Amino acid sequence: MADVKIRAPSPFWPRLAAAFAFAAPVAARGEGAEFQCFPMAETRHLIADRRLADPFASMQAASSAAHAEPIAAKLCRDRDALVYEISMLRRDGRVLRIYLDATNGQPHPGHK
């Protein structure tokens, strides 16, 4: 019978896994402080409470201007401003995201 040696796992892999486990939440927290999207219930409340622009009308206007099919609209906070993140599907299959100022439905100056 052949001699089979069993190697102990390298101490490198547990350290690498731990590094990824700690790095991902830290990176997400840093990004979340600047840009955060709201859940649907809170979105409805904010639209009614702050009298924001109609998200469906904004989505339709943006999709016709971009010649793309609207997919979704989310209300998000970008630093101190409320913006709609409008996702659209272009005819070439690419997803396009446009950011509109939620107060007036105009393009948000902080995004392309």
N, C-alpha and C. Protein backbone atom coordinates (compact mmCIF):
# COMPACT_ATOMS: atom_id res chain seq x y z
N MET A 1 0.84 -1.17 0.00
CA MET A 1 0.00 0.00 0.00
C MET A 1 0.88 1.23 0.00
N ALA A 2 0.54 2.24 -0.77
CA ALA A 2 1.34 3.45 -0.90
C ALA A 2 1.20 4.30 0.35
N ASP A 3 2.28 4.98 0.64
CA ASP A 3 2.28 5.90 1.79
C ASP A 3 1.59 7.20 1.37
N VAL A 4 0.53 7.58 2.04
CA VAL A 4 -0.18 8.82 1.75
C VAL A 4 0.02 9.76 2.91
N LYS A 5 0.52 10.94 2.57
CA LYS A 5 0.74 11.94 3.62
C LYS A 5 -0.41 12.94 3.58
N ILE A 6 -0.92 13.24 4.74
CA ILE A 6 -1.98 14.23 4.84
C ILE A 6 -1.37 15.51 5.36
N ARG A 7 -1.57 16.57 4.59
CA ARG A 7 -1.02 17.87 4.98
C ARG A 7 -2.05 18.65 5.78
N ALA A 8 -1.56 19.37 6.73
CA ALA A 8 -2.43 20.27 7.48
C ALA A 8 -2.76 21.46 6.59
N PRO A 9 -3.96 22.00 6.70
CA PRO A 9 -4.31 23.16 5.87
C PRO A 9 -3.38 24.34 6.16
N SER A 10 -3.11 25.08 5.13
CA SER A 10 -2.24 26.24 5.26
C SER A 10 -2.92 27.31 6.11
N PRO A 11 -2.18 27.99 6.98
CA PRO A 11 -2.78 29.05 7.78
C PRO A 11 -3.13 30.27 6.94
N PHE A 12 -2.73 30.29 5.68
CA PHE A 12 -3.00 31.41 4.79
C PHE A 12 -4.50 31.54 4.50
N TRP A 13 -5.19 30.45 4.21
CA TRP A 13 -6.59 30.49 3.79
C TRP A 13 -7.53 31.03 4.86
N PRO A 14 -7.40 30.61 6.12
CA PRO A 14 -8.30 31.21 7.12
C PRO A 14 -8.10 32.72 7.26
N ARG A 15 -6.86 33.17 7.13
CA ARG A 15 -6.60 34.61 7.22
C ARG A 15 -7.20 35.35 6.04
N LEU A 16 -7.09 34.75 4.87
CA LEU A 16 -7.66 35.37 3.68
C LEU A 16 -9.19 35.46 3.79
N ALA A 17 -9.82 34.39 4.24
CA ALA A 17 -11.27 34.40 4.41
C ALA A 17 -11.69 35.44 5.45
N ALA A 18 -10.94 35.55 6.52
CA ALA A 18 -11.26 36.54 7.56
C ALA A 18 -11.11 37.96 7.01
N ALA A 19 -10.11 38.18 6.18
CA ALA A 19 -9.90 39.51 5.60
C ALA A 19 -11.09 39.91 4.74
N PHE A 20 -11.59 38.98 3.92
CA PHE A 20 -12.76 39.28 3.09
C PHE A 20 -14.01 39.47 3.93
N ALA A 21 -14.15 38.69 4.98
CA ALA A 21 -15.33 38.81 5.84
C ALA A 21 -15.40 40.17 6.52
N PHE A 22 -14.25 40.73 6.89
CA PHE A 22 -14.24 42.02 7.55
C PHE A 22 -14.21 43.18 6.56
N ALA A 23 -13.64 42.99 5.39
CA ALA A 23 -13.51 44.08 4.43
C ALA A 23 -14.83 44.42 3.76
N ALA A 24 -15.65 43.44 3.44
CA ALA A 24 -16.90 43.70 2.73
C ALA A 24 -17.86 44.60 3.52
N PRO A 25 -18.14 44.32 4.81
CA PRO A 25 -19.04 45.23 5.53
C PRO A 25 -18.48 46.64 5.70
N VAL A 26 -17.17 46.76 5.85
CA VAL A 26 -16.57 48.09 5.99
C VAL A 26 -16.72 48.87 4.70
N ALA A 27 -16.50 48.22 3.57
CA ALA A 27 -16.65 48.90 2.28
C ALA A 27 -18.10 49.29 2.04
N ALA A 28 -19.03 48.42 2.40
CA ALA A 28 -20.44 48.73 2.20
C ALA A 28 -20.88 49.89 3.08
N ARG A 29 -20.38 49.95 4.32
CA ARG A 29 -20.75 51.04 5.20
C ARG A 29 -20.26 52.37 4.67
N GLY A 30 -19.06 52.41 4.11
CA GLY A 30 -18.52 53.66 3.58
C GLY A 30 -19.33 54.17 2.42
N GLU A 31 -19.78 53.28 1.56
CA GLU A 31 -20.58 53.69 0.41
C GLU A 31 -21.99 54.06 0.83
N GLY A 32 -22.55 53.32 1.78
CA GLY A 32 -23.92 53.54 2.20
C GLY A 32 -24.14 54.89 2.85
N ALA A 33 -23.08 55.49 3.39
CA ALA A 33 -23.23 56.78 4.05
C ALA A 33 -23.55 57.87 3.03
N GLU A 34 -23.06 57.74 1.81
CA GLU A 34 -23.30 58.75 0.79
C GLU A 34 -24.56 58.47 -0.02
N PHE A 35 -24.83 57.21 -0.33
CA PHE A 35 -25.94 56.85 -1.21
C PHE A 35 -26.71 55.70 -0.59
N GLN A 36 -27.99 55.92 -0.31
CA GLN A 36 -28.82 54.90 0.33
C GLN A 36 -30.20 54.92 -0.28
N CYS A 37 -30.70 53.75 -0.71
CA CYS A 37 -32.05 53.66 -1.26
C CYS A 37 -33.02 53.21 -0.16
N PHE A 38 -34.25 53.71 -0.24
CA PHE A 38 -35.25 53.44 0.78
C PHE A 38 -36.11 52.24 0.40
N PRO A 39 -36.64 51.52 1.40
CA PRO A 39 -37.61 50.46 1.11
C PRO A 39 -38.94 51.07 0.62
N MET A 40 -39.78 50.24 0.01
CA MET A 40 -41.01 50.73 -0.62
C MET A 40 -41.93 51.47 0.35
N ALA A 41 -42.12 50.95 1.55
CA ALA A 41 -43.03 51.60 2.51
C ALA A 41 -42.53 52.99 2.88
N GLU A 42 -41.24 53.11 3.11
CA GLU A 42 -40.68 54.42 3.45
C GLU A 42 -40.72 55.36 2.24
N THR A 43 -40.56 54.80 1.05
CA THR A 43 -40.64 55.60 -0.18
C THR A 43 -42.02 56.23 -0.31
N ARG A 44 -43.06 55.44 -0.11
CA ARG A 44 -44.43 55.98 -0.20
C ARG A 44 -44.64 57.10 0.81
N HIS A 45 -44.15 56.88 2.03
CA HIS A 45 -44.31 57.88 3.09
C HIS A 45 -43.58 59.18 2.72
N LEU A 46 -42.34 59.07 2.24
CA LEU A 46 -41.57 60.27 1.89
C LEU A 46 -42.18 61.02 0.71
N ILE A 47 -42.70 60.30 -0.28
CA ILE A 47 -43.33 60.95 -1.43
C ILE A 47 -44.53 61.76 -0.99
N ALA A 48 -45.36 61.18 -0.13
CA ALA A 48 -46.55 61.89 0.35
C ALA A 48 -46.19 63.02 1.31
N ASP A 49 -45.26 62.76 2.22
CA ASP A 49 -44.91 63.73 3.25
C ASP A 49 -44.19 64.96 2.69
N ARG A 50 -43.28 64.73 1.76
CA ARG A 50 -42.47 65.84 1.22
C ARG A 50 -42.97 66.34 -0.13
N ARG A 51 -44.07 65.80 -0.59
CA ARG A 51 -44.66 66.20 -1.88
C ARG A 51 -43.64 66.16 -3.01
N LEU A 52 -43.03 64.99 -3.15
CA LEU A 52 -42.02 64.79 -4.19
C LEU A 52 -42.70 64.58 -5.54
N ALA A 53 -41.91 64.67 -6.59
CA ALA A 53 -42.41 64.46 -7.95
C ALA A 53 -42.92 63.02 -8.08
N ASP A 54 -43.89 62.83 -8.96
CA ASP A 54 -44.46 61.50 -9.19
C ASP A 54 -43.39 60.60 -9.81
N PRO A 55 -43.03 59.49 -9.16
CA PRO A 55 -41.95 58.65 -9.70
C PRO A 55 -42.31 58.00 -11.03
N PHE A 56 -43.59 57.67 -11.25
CA PHE A 56 -43.98 57.03 -12.50
C PHE A 56 -43.93 58.00 -13.67
N ALA A 57 -44.37 59.22 -13.45
CA ALA A 57 -44.28 60.24 -14.50
C ALA A 57 -42.82 60.55 -14.82
N SER A 58 -41.99 60.63 -13.79
CA SER A 58 -40.56 60.88 -14.00
C SER A 58 -39.91 59.74 -14.77
N MET A 59 -40.31 58.50 -14.42
CA MET A 59 -39.75 57.32 -15.09
C MET A 59 -40.17 57.29 -16.56
N GLN A 60 -41.43 57.61 -16.85
CA GLN A 60 -41.90 57.62 -18.23
C GLN A 60 -41.21 58.70 -19.05
N ALA A 61 -41.04 59.89 -18.48
CA ALA A 61 -40.37 60.98 -19.19
C ALA A 61 -38.91 60.62 -19.47
N ALA A 62 -38.23 60.05 -18.49
CA ALA A 62 -36.83 59.67 -18.68
C ALA A 62 -36.69 58.56 -19.72
N SER A 63 -37.61 57.59 -19.70
CA SER A 63 -37.50 56.48 -20.65
C SER A 63 -37.78 56.93 -22.08
N SER A 64 -38.72 57.86 -22.27
CA SER A 64 -38.96 58.33 -23.63
C SER A 64 -37.81 59.20 -24.13
N ALA A 65 -37.19 59.97 -23.24
CA ALA A 65 -36.04 60.79 -23.64
C ALA A 65 -34.83 59.92 -23.98
N ALA A 66 -34.67 58.80 -23.28
CA ALA A 66 -33.51 57.93 -23.50
C ALA A 66 -33.79 56.84 -24.53
N HIS A 67 -35.02 56.77 -25.04
CA HIS A 67 -35.42 55.72 -25.99
C HIS A 67 -35.12 54.35 -25.41
N ALA A 68 -35.60 54.13 -24.18
CA ALA A 68 -35.37 52.87 -23.48
C ALA A 68 -36.63 52.46 -22.74
N GLU A 69 -36.71 51.18 -22.40
CA GLU A 69 -37.86 50.63 -21.69
C GLU A 69 -37.64 50.77 -20.18
N PRO A 70 -38.57 51.40 -19.46
CA PRO A 70 -38.38 51.55 -18.01
C PRO A 70 -38.47 50.21 -17.30
N ILE A 71 -37.58 49.99 -16.33
CA ILE A 71 -37.57 48.75 -15.56
C ILE A 71 -38.01 49.01 -14.12
N ALA A 72 -37.37 49.99 -13.47
CA ALA A 72 -37.65 50.23 -12.05
C ALA A 72 -37.29 51.66 -11.68
N ALA A 73 -37.89 52.10 -10.59
CA ALA A 73 -37.55 53.41 -10.01
C ALA A 73 -37.42 53.23 -8.51
N LYS A 74 -36.37 53.79 -7.94
CA LYS A 74 -36.14 53.74 -6.50
C LYS A 74 -35.91 55.15 -5.99
N LEU A 75 -36.38 55.41 -4.78
CA LEU A 75 -36.09 56.67 -4.12
C LEU A 75 -34.86 56.46 -3.25
N CYS A 76 -33.86 57.32 -3.44
CA CYS A 76 -32.60 57.18 -2.72
C CYS A 76 -32.17 58.52 -2.15
N ARG A 77 -31.33 58.45 -1.15
CA ARG A 77 -30.72 59.66 -0.58
C ARG A 77 -29.27 59.70 -1.08
N ASP A 78 -28.93 60.78 -1.74
CA ASP A 78 -27.56 61.02 -2.21
C ASP A 78 -27.03 62.21 -1.43
N ARG A 79 -26.25 61.92 -0.43
CA ARG A 79 -25.78 62.91 0.56
C ARG A 79 -26.99 63.58 1.20
N ASP A 80 -27.30 64.82 0.86
CA ASP A 80 -28.44 65.52 1.47
C ASP A 80 -29.64 65.63 0.54
N ALA A 81 -29.54 65.12 -0.68
CA ALA A 81 -30.61 65.26 -1.66
C ALA A 81 -31.37 63.94 -1.83
N LEU A 82 -32.64 64.04 -2.16
CA LEU A 82 -33.43 62.87 -2.50
C LEU A 82 -33.46 62.76 -4.02
N VAL A 83 -33.12 61.57 -4.53
CA VAL A 83 -33.07 61.35 -5.98
C VAL A 83 -33.83 60.07 -6.32
N TYR A 84 -34.36 60.04 -7.54
CA TYR A 84 -34.92 58.80 -8.07
C TYR A 84 -33.84 58.14 -8.91
N GLU A 85 -33.58 56.86 -8.65
CA GLU A 85 -32.69 56.07 -9.48
C GLU A 85 -33.58 55.31 -10.46
N ILE A 86 -33.54 55.70 -11.72
CA ILE A 86 -34.39 55.10 -12.75
C ILE A 86 -33.54 54.12 -13.55
N SER A 87 -33.96 52.85 -13.58
CA SER A 87 -33.28 51.83 -14.37
C SER A 87 -34.09 51.58 -15.64
N MET A 88 -33.38 51.55 -16.77
CA MET A 88 -34.03 51.35 -18.06
C MET A 88 -33.24 50.36 -18.90
N LEU A 89 -33.93 49.67 -19.78
CA LEU A 89 -33.30 48.71 -20.67
C LEU A 89 -33.26 49.31 -22.07
N ARG A 90 -32.03 49.47 -22.59
CA ARG A 90 -31.89 50.02 -23.94
C ARG A 90 -32.13 48.93 -24.97
N ARG A 91 -32.29 49.31 -26.20
CA ARG A 91 -32.57 48.35 -27.27
C ARG A 91 -31.40 47.41 -27.54
N ASP A 92 -30.19 47.85 -27.18
CA ASP A 92 -29.03 46.98 -27.38
C ASP A 92 -28.83 46.02 -26.21
N GLY A 93 -29.74 46.02 -25.23
CA GLY A 93 -29.68 45.08 -24.11
C GLY A 93 -28.96 45.60 -22.88
N ARG A 94 -28.42 46.79 -22.94
CA ARG A 94 -27.70 47.34 -21.80
C ARG A 94 -28.66 48.04 -20.85
N VAL A 95 -28.35 47.93 -19.55
CA VAL A 95 -29.16 48.61 -18.53
C VAL A 95 -28.58 49.99 -18.31
N LEU A 96 -29.44 50.98 -18.33
CA LEU A 96 -29.06 52.37 -18.16
C LEU A 96 -29.67 52.88 -16.87
N ARG A 97 -28.89 53.59 -16.07
CA ARG A 97 -29.41 54.19 -14.84
C ARG A 97 -29.31 55.70 -14.94
N ILE A 98 -30.42 56.36 -14.68
CA ILE A 98 -30.48 57.82 -14.69
C ILE A 98 -30.94 58.27 -13.32
N TYR A 99 -30.36 59.35 -12.84
CA TYR A 99 -30.69 59.88 -11.52
C TYR A 99 -31.40 61.22 -11.69
N LEU A 100 -32.61 61.31 -11.12
CA LEU A 100 -33.42 62.52 -11.21
C LEU A 100 -33.64 63.10 -9.82
N ASP A 101 -33.65 64.42 -9.75
CA ASP A 101 -33.97 65.09 -8.50
C ASP A 101 -35.42 64.76 -8.15
N ALA A 102 -35.64 64.22 -6.97
CA ALA A 102 -36.99 63.78 -6.59
C ALA A 102 -37.94 64.93 -6.32
N THR A 103 -37.42 66.13 -6.09
CA THR A 103 -38.31 67.25 -5.81
C THR A 103 -38.95 67.81 -7.08
N ASN A 104 -38.23 67.75 -8.22
CA ASN A 104 -38.78 68.35 -9.44
C ASN A 104 -38.73 67.44 -10.67
N GLY A 105 -38.13 66.26 -10.57
CA GLY A 105 -38.07 65.34 -11.70
C GLY A 105 -37.02 65.67 -12.74
N GLN A 106 -36.19 66.68 -12.50
CA GLN A 106 -35.13 67.07 -13.44
C GLN A 106 -33.87 66.24 -13.17
N PRO A 107 -32.97 66.13 -14.16
CA PRO A 107 -31.72 65.38 -13.93
C PRO A 107 -30.96 65.93 -12.72
N HIS A 108 -30.45 65.01 -11.93
CA HIS A 108 -29.70 65.40 -10.73
C HIS A 108 -28.31 65.84 -11.15
N PRO A 109 -27.85 67.02 -10.71
CA PRO A 109 -26.56 67.55 -11.17
C PRO A 109 -25.36 66.73 -10.72
N GLY A 110 -25.49 65.90 -9.70
CA GLY A 110 -24.35 65.13 -9.21
C GLY A 110 -24.08 63.87 -10.00
N HIS A 111 -24.94 63.53 -10.97
CA HIS A 111 -24.79 62.30 -11.75
C HIS A 111 -24.83 62.63 -13.23
N LYS A 112 -24.23 61.71 -14.01
CA LYS A 112 -24.23 61.87 -15.47
C LYS A 112 -25.58 61.54 -16.03
